[in-house]
Amino acid sequence: QVQLVESGGGLVQAGDSLRLSCAASARTFSTYLMAWFRQAPGKERDFVAAITGSGGDTYYADSVKGRFTISRDNAKNTVDLQMNSLKPEDTANYYCAAKYYTGRYYYASVPRYDYWGQGTQVTVSS
């Protein structure tokens, strides 16, 4: 069982930056593909970014490419999402997700992930 706890959400203005962090309880954290998803009110949960266990491969949704950066620290069991140039359409509840997987690919669909955090709210005002 893996527990995930997100932090770092808040209210910011358009153009600002925000850094989200996710702390994981996994004993072998490096064997987990980690990802961030987001869900706006009344909408489906969408893929944002993923990072492989070694941290060597990262993947992004087109809507955040060039603005967001995912990273991980396997010594601290954390995965971060640096969000720059935030836009009002980035407003959502952001979720950290984990999947036991040691390959170099990634998954962008919700059912593929085994563990989820409770989410942290990000609100971007115009």
Foldseek 3Di string as FASTA:
>chain_A
DKAKAKDWADEEAAQAKTKMKIAMPDPQLLQKKKFKWWDAPPGDIWGAKIAHSVRPDIDGDPVQPPFWDWGDDRVRRMIMIIGGRDDQVVWTWMKMFIARHHDRDDDTDDVRTDDIYPTDTHGYHD
